[in-house]
């Protein structure tokens, strides 16, 4: 997992990777919750390609909500952005 505050001075989870043999065991959610805990009381952002439905489900079950999309980063596969608002971060 890679996260920092370089996204318009907000926390951003840039990379969250679980090896194929360890997926679907809650590790992604645990890493995402850890990232959120590093930045209490502020919005946390992340993104994934539209084609990555597994990441989208992970973000949504973790309380993130869709907040935008950018075309033309990867042609034919828009980048979908998510945010976790502070009130959700505080309740985790």
N, C-alpha and C. Protein backbone atom coordinates (compact mmCIF):
# COMPACT_ATOMS: atom_id res chain seq x y z
N UNK A 1 0.84 -1.17 0.00
CA UNK A 1 0.00 0.00 0.00
C UNK A 1 0.89 1.24 0.00
N UNK A 2 0.49 2.22 -0.77
CA UNK A 2 1.19 3.50 -0.80
C UNK A 2 0.15 4.60 -0.60
N UNK A 3 0.39 5.45 0.39
CA UNK A 3 -0.51 6.58 0.66
C UNK A 3 0.31 7.76 1.14
N UNK A 4 -0.11 8.95 0.73
CA UNK A 4 0.54 10.17 1.21
C UNK A 4 -0.42 11.34 1.03
N UNK A 5 0.06 12.55 1.29
CA UNK A 5 -0.77 13.76 1.21
C UNK A 5 -0.44 14.60 -0.02
N UNK A 6 -0.13 14.01 -1.12
CA UNK A 6 0.26 14.78 -2.31
C UNK A 6 -0.89 15.04 -3.28
N UNK A 7 -2.09 14.73 -2.92
CA UNK A 7 -3.25 14.95 -3.79
C UNK A 7 -3.97 16.20 -3.31
N UNK A 8 -3.58 17.36 -3.83
CA UNK A 8 -4.15 18.63 -3.41
C UNK A 8 -4.09 18.79 -1.89
N UNK A 9 -3.01 18.30 -1.30
CA UNK A 9 -2.75 18.32 0.15
C UNK A 9 -3.68 17.41 0.94
N UNK A 10 -4.42 16.55 0.27
CA UNK A 10 -5.26 15.56 0.95
C UNK A 10 -4.60 14.18 0.88
N UNK A 11 -4.91 13.32 1.83
CA UNK A 11 -4.42 11.95 1.76
C UNK A 11 -5.00 11.24 0.54
N UNK A 12 -4.15 10.45 -0.10
CA UNK A 12 -4.55 9.66 -1.26
C UNK A 12 -3.91 8.30 -1.16
N UNK A 13 -4.71 7.26 -1.32
CA UNK A 13 -4.17 5.89 -1.39
C UNK A 13 -3.88 5.63 -2.86
N UNK A 14 -2.60 5.67 -3.20
CA UNK A 14 -2.16 5.56 -4.59
C UNK A 14 -2.13 4.12 -5.08
N UNK A 15 -1.80 3.21 -4.19
CA UNK A 15 -1.63 1.82 -4.59
C UNK A 15 -2.00 0.92 -3.43
N UNK A 16 -2.80 -0.07 -3.72
CA UNK A 16 -3.16 -1.08 -2.74
C UNK A 16 -3.12 -2.40 -3.50
N UNK A 17 -2.19 -3.26 -3.15
CA UNK A 17 -2.00 -4.48 -3.92
C UNK A 17 -1.96 -5.69 -2.99
N UNK A 18 -2.73 -6.70 -3.33
CA UNK A 18 -2.73 -7.98 -2.63
C UNK A 18 -2.43 -9.05 -3.68
N UNK A 19 -1.48 -9.92 -3.39
CA UNK A 19 -1.15 -10.98 -4.35
C UNK A 19 -2.38 -11.86 -4.59
N UNK A 20 -2.47 -12.41 -5.77
CA UNK A 20 -3.66 -13.18 -6.18
C UNK A 20 -3.99 -14.30 -5.19
N UNK A 21 -2.99 -14.97 -4.66
CA UNK A 21 -3.28 -16.11 -3.78
C UNK A 21 -3.77 -15.68 -2.39
N UNK A 22 -3.68 -14.39 -2.07
CA UNK A 22 -4.13 -13.90 -0.76
C UNK A 22 -5.38 -13.02 -0.84
N UNK A 23 -5.97 -12.91 -2.02
CA UNK A 23 -7.15 -12.07 -2.19
C UNK A 23 -8.39 -12.73 -1.60
N UNK A 24 -9.39 -11.90 -1.33
CA UNK A 24 -10.69 -12.33 -0.80
C UNK A 24 -10.60 -12.88 0.62
N UNK A 25 -9.64 -12.34 1.39
CA UNK A 25 -9.47 -12.74 2.79
C UNK A 25 -9.56 -11.56 3.75
N UNK A 26 -9.94 -10.40 3.23
CA UNK A 26 -10.07 -9.22 4.07
C UNK A 26 -8.81 -8.38 4.20
N UNK A 27 -7.75 -8.78 3.52
CA UNK A 27 -6.49 -8.04 3.63
C UNK A 27 -6.58 -6.66 2.99
N UNK A 28 -7.24 -6.56 1.86
CA UNK A 28 -7.40 -5.26 1.19
C UNK A 28 -8.17 -4.29 2.07
N UNK A 29 -9.23 -4.79 2.67
CA UNK A 29 -10.03 -3.92 3.55
C UNK A 29 -9.21 -3.49 4.77
N UNK A 30 -8.43 -4.42 5.33
CA UNK A 30 -7.60 -4.10 6.49
C UNK A 30 -6.55 -3.05 6.12
N UNK A 31 -5.91 -3.19 4.98
CA UNK A 31 -4.92 -2.20 4.55
C UNK A 31 -5.57 -0.84 4.30
N UNK A 32 -6.74 -0.85 3.69
CA UNK A 32 -7.44 0.40 3.43
C UNK A 32 -7.84 1.07 4.75
N UNK A 33 -8.32 0.30 5.72
CA UNK A 33 -8.67 0.85 7.03
C UNK A 33 -7.43 1.40 7.73
N UNK A 34 -6.30 0.73 7.57
CA UNK A 34 -5.06 1.23 8.16
C UNK A 34 -4.67 2.57 7.54
N UNK A 35 -4.79 2.67 6.22
CA UNK A 35 -4.47 3.93 5.54
C UNK A 35 -5.35 5.05 6.07
N UNK A 36 -6.62 4.79 6.22
CA UNK A 36 -7.56 5.80 6.74
C UNK A 36 -7.17 6.20 8.15
N UNK A 37 -6.73 5.25 8.95
CA UNK A 37 -6.36 5.56 10.34
C UNK A 37 -5.12 6.45 10.43
N UNK A 38 -4.32 6.47 9.39
CA UNK A 38 -3.12 7.32 9.38
C UNK A 38 -3.46 8.79 9.20
N UNK A 39 -4.67 9.05 8.72
CA UNK A 39 -5.08 10.42 8.41
C UNK A 39 -6.43 10.73 9.07
N UNK A 40 -6.48 10.77 10.39
CA UNK A 40 -7.76 10.99 11.07
C UNK A 40 -8.30 12.40 10.81
N UNK A 41 -9.60 12.50 10.84
CA UNK A 41 -10.30 13.79 10.78
C UNK A 41 -10.11 14.55 9.47
N UNK A 42 -9.85 13.86 8.38
CA UNK A 42 -9.77 14.51 7.07
C UNK A 42 -10.30 13.58 6.00
N UNK A 43 -10.60 14.13 4.86
CA UNK A 43 -11.03 13.32 3.72
C UNK A 43 -9.86 12.48 3.23
N UNK A 44 -10.15 11.27 2.79
CA UNK A 44 -9.14 10.40 2.18
C UNK A 44 -9.65 10.02 0.80
N UNK A 45 -8.78 10.15 -0.19
CA UNK A 45 -9.15 9.87 -1.58
C UNK A 45 -8.41 8.64 -2.10
N UNK A 46 -8.97 8.04 -3.12
CA UNK A 46 -8.32 6.96 -3.86
C UNK A 46 -8.97 6.88 -5.23
N UNK A 47 -8.47 6.01 -6.08
CA UNK A 47 -9.07 5.86 -7.41
C UNK A 47 -8.72 4.49 -7.97
N UNK A 48 -9.45 4.13 -9.01
CA UNK A 48 -9.19 2.90 -9.74
C UNK A 48 -9.77 3.04 -11.14
N UNK A 49 -9.35 2.17 -12.03
CA UNK A 49 -9.92 2.17 -13.36
C UNK A 49 -11.35 1.64 -13.32
N UNK A 50 -12.15 2.10 -14.24
CA UNK A 50 -13.54 1.66 -14.33
C UNK A 50 -13.63 0.14 -14.49
N UNK A 51 -12.65 -0.45 -15.12
CA UNK A 51 -12.64 -1.90 -15.35
C UNK A 51 -12.34 -2.71 -14.08
N UNK A 52 -11.82 -2.07 -13.04
CA UNK A 52 -11.44 -2.77 -11.82
C UNK A 52 -12.62 -2.81 -10.83
N UNK A 53 -13.56 -3.68 -11.12
CA UNK A 53 -14.77 -3.75 -10.29
C UNK A 53 -14.48 -4.28 -8.89
N UNK A 54 -13.44 -5.09 -8.72
CA UNK A 54 -13.09 -5.58 -7.38
C UNK A 54 -12.67 -4.42 -6.48
N UNK A 55 -11.84 -3.52 -6.99
CA UNK A 55 -11.43 -2.36 -6.20
C UNK A 55 -12.62 -1.46 -5.92
N UNK A 56 -13.49 -1.28 -6.89
CA UNK A 56 -14.67 -0.45 -6.67
C UNK A 56 -15.52 -1.01 -5.54
N UNK A 57 -15.73 -2.32 -5.52
CA UNK A 57 -16.51 -2.95 -4.44
C UNK A 57 -15.80 -2.75 -3.10
N UNK A 58 -14.49 -2.93 -3.07
CA UNK A 58 -13.73 -2.74 -1.83
C UNK A 58 -13.91 -1.32 -1.30
N UNK A 59 -13.78 -0.33 -2.16
CA UNK A 59 -13.93 1.06 -1.73
C UNK A 59 -15.34 1.31 -1.20
N UNK A 60 -16.33 0.81 -1.90
CA UNK A 60 -17.72 1.05 -1.50
C UNK A 60 -18.06 0.37 -0.17
N UNK A 61 -17.63 -0.87 0.04
CA UNK A 61 -17.94 -1.53 1.32
C UNK A 61 -17.13 -0.93 2.46
N UNK A 62 -16.09 -0.19 2.11
CA UNK A 62 -15.27 0.47 3.13
C UNK A 62 -15.76 1.89 3.42
N UNK A 63 -16.88 2.29 2.83
CA UNK A 63 -17.47 3.58 3.13
C UNK A 63 -17.10 4.70 2.19
N UNK A 64 -16.27 4.43 1.19
CA UNK A 64 -15.90 5.45 0.21
C UNK A 64 -17.08 5.67 -0.74
N UNK A 65 -17.16 6.86 -1.26
CA UNK A 65 -18.19 7.15 -2.26
C UNK A 65 -17.54 7.74 -3.51
N UNK A 66 -18.14 7.44 -4.63
CA UNK A 66 -17.64 7.95 -5.91
C UNK A 66 -17.73 9.47 -5.91
N UNK A 67 -16.66 10.12 -6.36
CA UNK A 67 -16.65 11.59 -6.36
C UNK A 67 -16.18 12.18 -7.69
N UNK A 68 -15.92 11.34 -8.68
CA UNK A 68 -15.53 11.90 -9.97
C UNK A 68 -14.90 10.87 -10.89
N UNK A 69 -14.62 11.32 -12.09
CA UNK A 69 -14.02 10.44 -13.08
C UNK A 69 -13.18 11.27 -14.03
N UNK A 70 -12.10 10.68 -14.50
CA UNK A 70 -11.22 11.36 -15.45
C UNK A 70 -11.05 10.45 -16.66
N UNK A 71 -11.31 11.00 -17.80
CA UNK A 71 -11.15 10.29 -19.07
C UNK A 71 -9.72 10.47 -19.59
N UNK A 72 -9.30 9.57 -20.46
CA UNK A 72 -8.08 9.68 -21.26
C UNK A 72 -6.77 9.45 -20.50
N UNK A 73 -6.82 8.99 -19.26
CA UNK A 73 -5.56 8.57 -18.62
C UNK A 73 -5.15 7.23 -19.21
N UNK A 74 -6.05 6.28 -19.17
CA UNK A 74 -5.91 5.00 -19.88
C UNK A 74 -7.05 4.97 -20.89
N UNK A 75 -6.72 5.08 -22.16
CA UNK A 75 -7.75 5.17 -23.20
C UNK A 75 -8.75 4.03 -23.08
N UNK A 76 -10.02 4.39 -23.06
CA UNK A 76 -11.09 3.41 -23.00
C UNK A 76 -11.36 2.85 -21.62
N UNK A 77 -10.64 3.32 -20.60
CA UNK A 77 -10.83 2.81 -19.24
C UNK A 77 -10.68 3.97 -18.25
N UNK A 78 -11.74 4.77 -18.09
CA UNK A 78 -11.67 5.96 -17.24
C UNK A 78 -11.24 5.66 -15.80
N UNK A 79 -10.64 6.64 -15.17
CA UNK A 79 -10.23 6.55 -13.76
C UNK A 79 -11.41 7.06 -12.92
N UNK A 80 -11.85 6.25 -11.96
CA UNK A 80 -12.95 6.60 -11.08
C UNK A 80 -12.36 6.98 -9.72
N UNK A 81 -12.72 8.14 -9.21
CA UNK A 81 -12.19 8.64 -7.94
C UNK A 81 -13.21 8.44 -6.83
N UNK A 82 -12.68 8.15 -5.64
CA UNK A 82 -13.50 7.91 -4.45
C UNK A 82 -12.99 8.76 -3.30
N UNK A 83 -13.91 9.09 -2.39
CA UNK A 83 -13.54 9.84 -1.18
C UNK A 83 -14.22 9.19 0.02
N UNK A 84 -13.51 9.17 1.12
CA UNK A 84 -14.07 8.80 2.41
C UNK A 84 -14.13 10.07 3.23
N UNK A 85 -15.32 10.50 3.56
CA UNK A 85 -15.49 11.74 4.32
C UNK A 85 -15.17 11.50 5.79
N UNK A 86 -14.72 12.54 6.50
CA UNK A 86 -14.27 12.38 7.90
C UNK A 86 -15.27 11.71 8.82
N UNK A 87 -16.56 11.94 8.66
CA UNK A 87 -17.51 11.32 9.57
C UNK A 87 -17.48 9.80 9.47
N UNK A 88 -17.18 9.27 8.28
CA UNK A 88 -17.05 7.83 8.14
C UNK A 88 -15.72 7.37 8.74
N UNK A 89 -14.68 8.15 8.54
CA UNK A 89 -13.36 7.79 9.05
C UNK A 89 -13.39 7.73 10.58
N UNK A 90 -14.11 8.61 11.23
CA UNK A 90 -14.16 8.64 12.68
C UNK A 90 -14.92 7.45 13.25
N UNK A 91 -15.87 6.88 12.49
CA UNK A 91 -16.67 5.79 13.01
C UNK A 91 -16.01 4.43 12.80
N UNK A 92 -14.86 4.37 12.20
CA UNK A 92 -14.18 3.09 11.93
C UNK A 92 -13.20 2.75 13.00
